[in-house]
Amino acid sequence: MINEPEIILDKTDLHILRLMQENARISNADLARELGMAPSGILERVKKLEQKNVIQQYTMRINPAALQQKMLAFIFMKAADGPGSDATSGELAKIPEVQEVHHIAGDDCYLIKVRTYDSASLMNLMRTHFSKIPNILSTRTTIVLETKKEQQQLVIPEK
C-alpha cells in the first residue's frame, strides 16, 4: 500500500468540511458568514482543500426507490489473482450497478456493493457481467432486507 502524505487541517478547515459535508451547495457567502471570514478567504481555503484532494467530489444523493432500484446486495468474491489485483478490481469497478469495490482481508478477496431493480436483475448482473471476469472463483451474496442507515459522511473532529 502506498502511504499518502499527511494532510494537516486546522480548526477552520475542519469547520468548512463539516458545513460542506452537511450541505455541499452552501455558498461561499454563507460559509464566510458562519465562520466570520471574508468570502475571498473561504474561496481560497476551499480551493486548497480541493487541490490537496481533501475535497474529492461534489455529489447529490438520489433515492434509489425513485429509480426502482430497490435491490441492495453485498457480494463477497474469491478471485484467483488474489486481493489487490488491478485486473479483477478494475473489471468490477467498470460495471455500472457496482457501487463499491473493496479489497478485504479474510477468506474472500473482495466485497462489492451492488444496487439493482430486483432479484431477476441481480441474477442477470451475475450471469452477464461477473461470469465474464475470468479470475472470479466464487461469490456469496447477501441481500439487504431493510436499511436503517446509509451514509457517506465522515466523522469530522472538532480539534
N, C-alpha and C. Protein backbone atom coordinates (compact mmCIF):
# COMPACT_ATOMS: atom_id res chain seq x y z
N MET A 1 0.84 -1.17 0.00
CA MET A 1 0.00 0.00 0.00
C MET A 1 0.88 1.23 0.00
N ILE A 2 0.54 2.22 -0.79
CA ILE A 2 1.29 3.46 -0.88
C ILE A 2 0.84 4.37 0.26
N ASN A 3 1.81 4.90 1.00
CA ASN A 3 1.49 5.85 2.06
C ASN A 3 1.26 7.22 1.46
N GLU A 4 0.11 7.78 1.74
CA GLU A 4 -0.18 9.13 1.27
C GLU A 4 0.43 10.12 2.24
N PRO A 5 0.86 11.28 1.74
CA PRO A 5 1.43 12.28 2.64
C PRO A 5 0.36 12.76 3.63
N GLU A 6 0.80 13.06 4.84
CA GLU A 6 -0.13 13.53 5.86
C GLU A 6 -0.64 14.92 5.49
N ILE A 7 -1.92 15.09 5.61
CA ILE A 7 -2.55 16.37 5.31
C ILE A 7 -2.89 17.03 6.64
N ILE A 8 -2.40 18.22 6.84
CA ILE A 8 -2.65 18.96 8.07
C ILE A 8 -3.86 19.87 7.85
N LEU A 9 -4.87 19.70 8.70
CA LEU A 9 -6.07 20.53 8.64
C LEU A 9 -6.22 21.29 9.95
N ASP A 10 -6.48 22.58 9.85
CA ASP A 10 -6.69 23.35 11.07
C ASP A 10 -8.18 23.41 11.42
N LYS A 11 -8.49 24.11 12.50
CA LYS A 11 -9.86 24.19 13.01
C LYS A 11 -10.80 24.78 11.96
N THR A 12 -10.35 25.78 11.24
CA THR A 12 -11.17 26.41 10.21
C THR A 12 -11.45 25.45 9.05
N ASP A 13 -10.42 24.73 8.61
CA ASP A 13 -10.61 23.73 7.55
C ASP A 13 -11.66 22.70 7.96
N LEU A 14 -11.55 22.21 9.19
CA LEU A 14 -12.49 21.21 9.69
C LEU A 14 -13.91 21.76 9.77
N HIS A 15 -14.03 23.03 10.17
CA HIS A 15 -15.36 23.66 10.23
C HIS A 15 -15.96 23.77 8.82
N ILE A 16 -15.14 24.18 7.87
CA ILE A 16 -15.59 24.26 6.47
C ILE A 16 -16.05 22.88 6.00
N LEU A 17 -15.27 21.85 6.28
CA LEU A 17 -15.63 20.49 5.86
C LEU A 17 -16.94 20.03 6.49
N ARG A 18 -17.13 20.33 7.78
CA ARG A 18 -18.38 19.95 8.45
C ARG A 18 -19.57 20.61 7.76
N LEU A 19 -19.46 21.92 7.51
CA LEU A 19 -20.57 22.64 6.88
C LEU A 19 -20.83 22.16 5.45
N MET A 20 -19.76 21.93 4.70
CA MET A 20 -19.93 21.50 3.31
C MET A 20 -20.41 20.06 3.21
N GLN A 21 -20.01 19.22 4.16
CA GLN A 21 -20.48 17.84 4.15
C GLN A 21 -21.97 17.80 4.44
N GLU A 22 -22.42 18.67 5.30
CA GLU A 22 -23.85 18.76 5.64
C GLU A 22 -24.65 19.30 4.46
N ASN A 23 -24.07 20.24 3.71
CA ASN A 23 -24.75 20.84 2.57
C ASN A 23 -23.70 21.26 1.54
N ALA A 24 -23.47 20.44 0.54
CA ALA A 24 -22.45 20.71 -0.47
C ALA A 24 -22.79 21.94 -1.32
N ARG A 25 -24.03 22.36 -1.27
CA ARG A 25 -24.45 23.53 -2.06
C ARG A 25 -24.34 24.84 -1.29
N ILE A 26 -23.79 24.79 -0.08
CA ILE A 26 -23.66 26.02 0.71
C ILE A 26 -22.78 27.02 -0.05
N SER A 27 -23.19 28.26 -0.06
CA SER A 27 -22.44 29.28 -0.82
C SER A 27 -21.23 29.74 -0.02
N ASN A 28 -20.27 30.32 -0.74
CA ASN A 28 -19.09 30.89 -0.07
C ASN A 28 -19.52 32.00 0.88
N ALA A 29 -20.53 32.77 0.49
CA ALA A 29 -21.02 33.86 1.35
C ALA A 29 -21.58 33.29 2.65
N ASP A 30 -22.34 32.20 2.57
CA ASP A 30 -22.89 31.58 3.78
C ASP A 30 -21.78 30.97 4.64
N LEU A 31 -20.80 30.33 4.00
CA LEU A 31 -19.66 29.80 4.75
C LEU A 31 -18.92 30.94 5.46
N ALA A 32 -18.69 32.03 4.73
CA ALA A 32 -17.98 33.18 5.30
C ALA A 32 -18.74 33.75 6.50
N ARG A 33 -20.04 33.87 6.36
CA ARG A 33 -20.88 34.39 7.44
C ARG A 33 -20.80 33.47 8.66
N GLU A 34 -20.89 32.18 8.43
CA GLU A 34 -20.86 31.19 9.52
C GLU A 34 -19.51 31.20 10.25
N LEU A 35 -18.44 31.41 9.50
CA LEU A 35 -17.09 31.37 10.09
C LEU A 35 -16.54 32.74 10.46
N GLY A 36 -17.27 33.79 10.11
CA GLY A 36 -16.79 35.14 10.40
C GLY A 36 -15.56 35.51 9.59
N MET A 37 -15.54 35.09 8.34
CA MET A 37 -14.40 35.37 7.46
C MET A 37 -14.88 36.05 6.18
N ALA A 38 -13.94 36.57 5.41
CA ALA A 38 -14.25 37.16 4.12
C ALA A 38 -14.53 36.04 3.10
N PRO A 39 -15.49 36.23 2.19
CA PRO A 39 -15.76 35.21 1.16
C PRO A 39 -14.52 34.85 0.35
N SER A 40 -13.64 35.82 0.09
CA SER A 40 -12.42 35.52 -0.68
C SER A 40 -11.51 34.55 0.08
N GLY A 41 -11.45 34.70 1.40
CA GLY A 41 -10.65 33.79 2.23
C GLY A 41 -11.23 32.38 2.22
N ILE A 42 -12.56 32.30 2.26
CA ILE A 42 -13.23 31.00 2.19
C ILE A 42 -12.95 30.33 0.85
N LEU A 43 -13.11 31.10 -0.23
CA LEU A 43 -12.86 30.56 -1.57
C LEU A 43 -11.45 30.00 -1.68
N GLU A 44 -10.47 30.74 -1.15
CA GLU A 44 -9.08 30.30 -1.20
C GLU A 44 -8.89 29.00 -0.41
N ARG A 45 -9.50 28.90 0.76
CA ARG A 45 -9.38 27.69 1.58
C ARG A 45 -10.03 26.49 0.90
N VAL A 46 -11.21 26.68 0.32
CA VAL A 46 -11.91 25.58 -0.36
C VAL A 46 -11.08 25.10 -1.54
N LYS A 47 -10.51 26.04 -2.31
CA LYS A 47 -9.66 25.65 -3.44
C LYS A 47 -8.45 24.84 -2.97
N LYS A 48 -7.86 25.23 -1.85
CA LYS A 48 -6.71 24.49 -1.32
C LYS A 48 -7.14 23.09 -0.88
N LEU A 49 -8.31 22.99 -0.27
CA LEU A 49 -8.82 21.67 0.14
C LEU A 49 -9.06 20.78 -1.09
N GLU A 50 -9.50 21.38 -2.18
CA GLU A 50 -9.68 20.63 -3.43
C GLU A 50 -8.32 20.21 -4.00
N GLN A 51 -7.36 21.12 -4.01
CA GLN A 51 -6.03 20.83 -4.54
C GLN A 51 -5.31 19.74 -3.74
N LYS A 52 -5.53 19.72 -2.44
CA LYS A 52 -4.91 18.70 -1.57
C LYS A 52 -5.66 17.38 -1.64
N ASN A 53 -6.73 17.32 -2.42
CA ASN A 53 -7.55 16.12 -2.58
C ASN A 53 -8.29 15.75 -1.29
N VAL A 54 -8.52 16.75 -0.42
CA VAL A 54 -9.34 16.54 0.76
C VAL A 54 -10.79 16.53 0.31
N ILE A 55 -11.18 17.54 -0.46
CA ILE A 55 -12.50 17.55 -1.11
C ILE A 55 -12.29 16.90 -2.47
N GLN A 56 -12.89 15.73 -2.65
CA GLN A 56 -12.66 14.97 -3.87
C GLN A 56 -13.75 15.12 -4.90
N GLN A 57 -14.97 15.42 -4.46
CA GLN A 57 -16.08 15.45 -5.41
C GLN A 57 -17.28 16.10 -4.74
N TYR A 58 -18.09 16.75 -5.54
CA TYR A 58 -19.37 17.28 -5.08
C TYR A 58 -20.45 16.42 -5.74
N THR A 59 -21.32 15.84 -4.92
CA THR A 59 -22.32 14.93 -5.47
C THR A 59 -23.70 15.23 -4.88
N MET A 60 -24.68 14.55 -5.42
CA MET A 60 -26.02 14.58 -4.84
C MET A 60 -26.42 13.15 -4.55
N ARG A 61 -27.39 12.98 -3.70
CA ARG A 61 -27.86 11.64 -3.34
C ARG A 61 -29.28 11.49 -3.86
N ILE A 62 -29.50 10.43 -4.63
CA ILE A 62 -30.81 10.14 -5.21
C ILE A 62 -31.42 8.97 -4.46
N ASN A 63 -32.69 9.05 -4.18
CA ASN A 63 -33.40 7.95 -3.54
C ASN A 63 -33.47 6.80 -4.54
N PRO A 64 -32.83 5.66 -4.26
CA PRO A 64 -32.83 4.54 -5.21
C PRO A 64 -34.25 4.06 -5.57
N ALA A 65 -35.18 4.15 -4.63
CA ALA A 65 -36.55 3.70 -4.89
C ALA A 65 -37.21 4.56 -5.97
N ALA A 66 -36.80 5.82 -6.09
CA ALA A 66 -37.36 6.69 -7.12
C ALA A 66 -37.01 6.18 -8.52
N LEU A 67 -35.91 5.44 -8.62
CA LEU A 67 -35.48 4.86 -9.90
C LEU A 67 -35.77 3.36 -9.95
N GLN A 68 -36.59 2.89 -9.04
CA GLN A 68 -36.98 1.48 -8.93
C GLN A 68 -35.81 0.55 -8.63
N GLN A 69 -34.72 1.09 -8.12
CA GLN A 69 -33.55 0.27 -7.78
C GLN A 69 -33.66 -0.12 -6.30
N LYS A 70 -34.52 -1.08 -6.04
CA LYS A 70 -34.87 -1.45 -4.67
C LYS A 70 -34.04 -2.60 -4.12
N MET A 71 -33.27 -3.26 -4.97
CA MET A 71 -32.47 -4.41 -4.52
C MET A 71 -31.05 -3.95 -4.20
N LEU A 72 -30.68 -4.09 -2.94
CA LEU A 72 -29.32 -3.78 -2.49
C LEU A 72 -28.70 -5.08 -2.02
N ALA A 73 -27.50 -5.36 -2.50
CA ALA A 73 -26.83 -6.60 -2.11
C ALA A 73 -25.34 -6.35 -1.94
N PHE A 74 -24.76 -7.13 -1.04
CA PHE A 74 -23.32 -7.15 -0.85
C PHE A 74 -22.84 -8.53 -1.29
N ILE A 75 -21.80 -8.54 -2.09
CA ILE A 75 -21.31 -9.80 -2.64
C ILE A 75 -19.85 -9.99 -2.25
N PHE A 76 -19.58 -11.10 -1.59
CA PHE A 76 -18.21 -11.49 -1.27
C PHE A 76 -17.70 -12.32 -2.43
N MET A 77 -16.48 -12.03 -2.88
CA MET A 77 -15.92 -12.75 -4.03
C MET A 77 -14.53 -13.27 -3.72
N LYS A 78 -14.29 -14.48 -4.18
CA LYS A 78 -12.94 -15.02 -4.19
C LYS A 78 -12.44 -14.91 -5.62
N ALA A 79 -11.16 -14.58 -5.74
CA ALA A 79 -10.58 -14.44 -7.07
C ALA A 79 -9.25 -15.17 -7.14
N ALA A 80 -8.97 -15.72 -8.30
CA ALA A 80 -7.74 -16.49 -8.50
C ALA A 80 -6.50 -15.61 -8.37
N ASP A 81 -6.61 -14.36 -8.75
CA ASP A 81 -5.44 -13.48 -8.71
C ASP A 81 -5.27 -12.81 -7.35
N GLY A 82 -6.13 -13.11 -6.40
CA GLY A 82 -5.98 -12.62 -5.03
C GLY A 82 -6.35 -11.16 -4.87
N PRO A 83 -6.41 -10.74 -3.62
CA PRO A 83 -6.79 -9.35 -3.35
C PRO A 83 -5.72 -8.39 -3.87
N GLY A 84 -6.18 -7.24 -4.28
CA GLY A 84 -5.25 -6.22 -4.73
C GLY A 84 -4.94 -6.27 -6.21
N SER A 85 -5.52 -7.22 -6.93
CA SER A 85 -5.27 -7.29 -8.36
C SER A 85 -6.01 -6.18 -9.08
N ASP A 86 -5.27 -5.40 -9.83
CA ASP A 86 -5.91 -4.32 -10.59
C ASP A 86 -6.79 -4.87 -11.70
N ALA A 87 -6.47 -6.05 -12.22
CA ALA A 87 -7.26 -6.61 -13.32
C ALA A 87 -8.69 -6.90 -12.86
N THR A 88 -8.83 -7.67 -11.80
CA THR A 88 -10.17 -8.04 -11.32
C THR A 88 -10.91 -6.85 -10.76
N SER A 89 -10.27 -6.09 -9.88
CA SER A 89 -10.96 -4.95 -9.27
C SER A 89 -11.33 -3.91 -10.33
N GLY A 90 -10.49 -3.75 -11.32
CA GLY A 90 -10.79 -2.80 -12.40
C GLY A 90 -12.01 -3.22 -13.20
N GLU A 91 -12.10 -4.52 -13.50
CA GLU A 91 -13.27 -5.03 -14.23
C GLU A 91 -14.54 -4.87 -13.41
N LEU A 92 -14.46 -5.15 -12.11
CA LEU A 92 -15.62 -4.98 -11.24
C LEU A 92 -16.05 -3.52 -11.19
N ALA A 93 -15.10 -2.63 -11.11
CA ALA A 93 -15.40 -1.19 -11.00
C ALA A 93 -16.05 -0.63 -12.26
N LYS A 94 -15.86 -1.27 -13.39
CA LYS A 94 -16.46 -0.79 -14.65
C LYS A 94 -17.96 -1.07 -14.75
N ILE A 95 -18.47 -1.97 -13.93
CA ILE A 95 -19.87 -2.37 -14.02
C ILE A 95 -20.74 -1.30 -13.36
N PRO A 96 -21.68 -0.70 -14.08
CA PRO A 96 -22.46 0.43 -13.55
C PRO A 96 -23.23 0.12 -12.27
N GLU A 97 -23.75 -1.07 -12.13
CA GLU A 97 -24.53 -1.42 -10.94
C GLU A 97 -23.67 -1.61 -9.69
N VAL A 98 -22.37 -1.76 -9.89
CA VAL A 98 -21.44 -1.91 -8.76
C VAL A 98 -21.15 -0.53 -8.20
N GLN A 99 -21.55 -0.32 -6.96
CA GLN A 99 -21.35 0.98 -6.33
C GLN A 99 -20.05 1.07 -5.56
N GLU A 100 -19.56 -0.04 -5.04
CA GLU A 100 -18.33 -0.04 -4.25
C GLU A 100 -17.57 -1.34 -4.50
N VAL A 101 -16.25 -1.24 -4.53
CA VAL A 101 -15.38 -2.42 -4.64
C VAL A 101 -14.33 -2.27 -3.55
N HIS A 102 -14.28 -3.25 -2.65
CA HIS A 102 -13.34 -3.22 -1.54
C HIS A 102 -12.47 -4.47 -1.55
N HIS A 103 -11.15 -4.30 -1.42
CA HIS A 103 -10.26 -5.43 -1.18
C HIS A 103 -10.37 -5.71 0.30
N ILE A 104 -10.58 -6.96 0.67
CA ILE A 104 -10.79 -7.28 2.09
C ILE A 104 -9.85 -8.39 2.55
N ALA A 105 -9.64 -8.42 3.86
CA ALA A 105 -8.87 -9.50 4.47
C ALA A 105 -9.81 -10.65 4.80
N GLY A 106 -9.29 -11.83 4.89
CA GLY A 106 -10.11 -12.99 5.24
C GLY A 106 -10.17 -13.98 4.11
N ASP A 107 -11.19 -14.82 4.15
CA ASP A 107 -11.33 -15.88 3.15
C ASP A 107 -11.62 -15.35 1.75
N ASP A 108 -12.31 -14.24 1.67
CA ASP A 108 -12.66 -13.67 0.37
C ASP A 108 -11.66 -12.60 -0.02
N CYS A 109 -11.66 -12.23 -1.28
CA CYS A 109 -10.75 -11.20 -1.78
C CYS A 109 -11.42 -9.83 -1.89
N TYR A 110 -12.71 -9.84 -2.22
CA TYR A 110 -13.43 -8.59 -2.47
C TYR A 110 -14.79 -8.60 -1.79
N LEU A 111 -15.22 -7.42 -1.42
CA LEU A 111 -16.59 -7.18 -1.01
C LEU A 111 -17.10 -6.07 -1.91
N ILE A 112 -18.18 -6.36 -2.63
CA ILE A 112 -18.72 -5.33 -3.51
C ILE A 112 -20.17 -5.04 -3.12
N LYS A 113 -20.55 -3.82 -3.37
CA LYS A 113 -21.93 -3.37 -3.11
C LYS A 113 -22.58 -3.13 -4.46
N VAL A 114 -23.75 -3.74 -4.67
CA VAL A 114 -24.47 -3.56 -5.93
C VAL A 114 -25.91 -3.13 -5.64
N ARG A 115 -26.45 -2.40 -6.57
CA ARG A 115 -27.85 -1.99 -6.48
C ARG A 115 -28.51 -2.30 -7.82
N THR A 116 -29.62 -3.04 -7.77
CA THR A 116 -30.36 -3.41 -8.98
C THR A 116 -31.85 -3.22 -8.74
N TYR A 117 -32.64 -3.55 -9.76
CA TYR A 117 -34.09 -3.37 -9.66
C TYR A 117 -34.74 -4.44 -8.80
N ASP A 118 -34.32 -5.68 -8.98
CA ASP A 118 -34.96 -6.80 -8.28
C ASP A 118 -34.04 -8.01 -8.35
N SER A 119 -34.51 -9.13 -7.83
CA SER A 119 -33.67 -10.33 -7.81
C SER A 119 -33.36 -10.84 -9.22
N ALA A 120 -34.29 -10.67 -10.15
CA ALA A 120 -34.03 -11.10 -11.52
C ALA A 120 -32.91 -10.28 -12.15
N SER A 121 -32.91 -8.97 -11.91
CA SER A 121 -31.84 -8.14 -12.48
C SER A 121 -30.50 -8.40 -11.77
N LEU A 122 -30.55 -8.78 -10.50
CA LEU A 122 -29.33 -9.17 -9.79
C LEU A 122 -28.76 -10.45 -10.41
N MET A 123 -29.62 -11.42 -10.67
CA MET A 123 -29.18 -12.67 -11.30
C MET A 123 -28.61 -12.39 -12.69
N ASN A 124 -29.26 -11.52 -13.44
CA ASN A 124 -28.77 -11.15 -14.77
C ASN A 124 -27.39 -10.50 -14.68
N LEU A 125 -27.21 -9.63 -13.70
CA LEU A 125 -25.91 -8.98 -13.49
C LEU A 125 -24.83 -10.03 -13.24
N MET A 126 -25.15 -10.99 -12.42
CA MET A 126 -24.17 -12.03 -12.09
C MET A 126 -23.86 -12.90 -13.31
N ARG A 127 -24.88 -13.21 -14.09
CA ARG A 127 -24.67 -14.06 -15.27
C ARG A 127 -23.98 -13.33 -16.41
N THR A 128 -24.34 -12.08 -16.64
CA THR A 128 -23.82 -11.38 -17.82
C THR A 128 -22.53 -10.61 -17.56
N HIS A 129 -22.27 -10.23 -16.32
CA HIS A 129 -21.07 -9.44 -16.05
C HIS A 129 -20.04 -10.20 -15.22
N PHE A 130 -20.44 -10.66 -14.05
CA PHE A 130 -19.47 -11.31 -13.17
C PHE A 130 -18.92 -12.60 -13.76
N SER A 131 -19.75 -13.34 -14.44
CA SER A 131 -19.30 -14.62 -15.01
C SER A 131 -18.27 -14.41 -16.12
N LYS A 132 -18.20 -13.21 -16.68
CA LYS A 132 -17.23 -12.93 -17.75
C LYS A 132 -15.88 -12.47 -17.22
N ILE A 133 -15.77 -12.26 -15.91
CA ILE A 133 -14.49 -11.87 -15.34
C ILE A 133 -13.76 -13.17 -14.99
N PRO A 134 -12.67 -13.47 -15.70
CA PRO A 134 -12.07 -14.81 -15.63
C PRO A 134 -11.53 -15.22 -14.27
N ASN A 135 -11.09 -14.29 -13.46
CA ASN A 135 -10.44 -14.66 -12.20
C ASN A 135 -11.39 -14.90 -11.04
N ILE A 136 -12.68 -14.62 -11.21
CA ILE A 136 -13.61 -14.82 -10.11
C ILE A 136 -13.88 -16.32 -9.94
N LEU A 137 -13.59 -16.81 -8.75
CA LEU A 137 -13.76 -18.23 -8.46
C LEU A 137 -15.11 -18.53 -7.84
N SER A 138 -15.56 -17.65 -6.92
CA SER A 138 -16.84 -17.89 -6.26
C SER A 138 -17.40 -16.58 -5.72
N THR A 139 -18.72 -16.61 -5.48
CA THR A 139 -19.40 -15.45 -4.90
C THR A 139 -20.33 -15.93 -3.79
N ARG A 140 -20.54 -15.05 -2.82
CA ARG A 140 -21.55 -15.25 -1.77
C ARG A 140 -22.30 -13.95 -1.67
N THR A 141 -23.60 -14.01 -1.88
CA THR A 141 -24.41 -12.80 -1.93
C THR A 141 -25.27 -12.67 -0.68
N THR A 142 -25.27 -11.47 -0.12
CA THR A 142 -26.13 -11.13 1.00
C THR A 142 -27.07 -10.04 0.53
N ILE A 143 -28.37 -10.31 0.57
CA ILE A 143 -29.38 -9.35 0.13
C ILE A 143 -29.85 -8.56 1.35
N VAL A 144 -29.91 -7.26 1.19
CA VAL A 144 -30.34 -6.37 2.27
C VAL A 144 -31.87 -6.34 2.29
N LEU A 145 -32.45 -6.61 3.45
CA LEU A 145 -33.91 -6.58 3.59
C LEU A 145 -34.41 -5.18 3.94
N GLU A 146 -33.65 -4.46 4.75
CA GLU A 146 -34.04 -3.12 5.16
C GLU A 146 -32.79 -2.35 5.55
N THR A 147 -32.75 -1.08 5.22
CA THR A 147 -31.62 -0.23 5.57
C THR A 147 -32.06 0.79 6.59
N LYS A 148 -31.40 0.83 7.72
CA LYS A 148 -31.68 1.82 8.76
C LYS A 148 -30.78 3.03 8.63
N LYS A 149 -29.58 2.84 8.12
CA LYS A 149 -28.65 3.95 7.96
C LYS A 149 -27.72 3.64 6.81
N GLU A 150 -27.58 4.62 5.93
CA GLU A 150 -26.63 4.51 4.82
C GLU A 150 -26.12 5.92 4.57
N GLN A 151 -24.84 6.11 4.71
CA GLN A 151 -24.30 7.46 4.52
C GLN A 151 -22.87 7.40 4.04
N GLN A 152 -22.41 8.49 3.47
CA GLN A 152 -21.03 8.64 3.06
C GLN A 152 -20.28 9.63 3.96
N GLN A 153 -21.02 10.34 4.80
CA GLN A 153 -20.40 11.35 5.65
C GLN A 153 -19.40 10.73 6.61
N LEU A 154 -18.31 11.46 6.83
CA LEU A 154 -17.28 11.05 7.76
C LEU A 154 -17.45 11.82 9.07
N VAL A 155 -16.93 11.28 10.15
CA VAL A 155 -16.89 11.99 11.41
C VAL A 155 -15.74 12.97 11.33
N ILE A 156 -16.03 14.25 11.44
CA ILE A 156 -15.00 15.29 11.35
C ILE A 156 -14.71 15.77 12.77
N PRO A 157 -13.46 15.66 13.21
CA PRO A 157 -13.14 16.05 14.59
C PRO A 157 -13.31 17.55 14.82
N GLU A 158 -13.52 17.90 16.07
CA GLU A 158 -13.67 19.30 16.45
C GLU A 158 -12.32 20.01 16.49
N LYS A 159 -11.28 19.34 16.90
CA LYS A 159 -9.91 19.83 17.04
C LYS A 159 -9.77 20.92 18.06
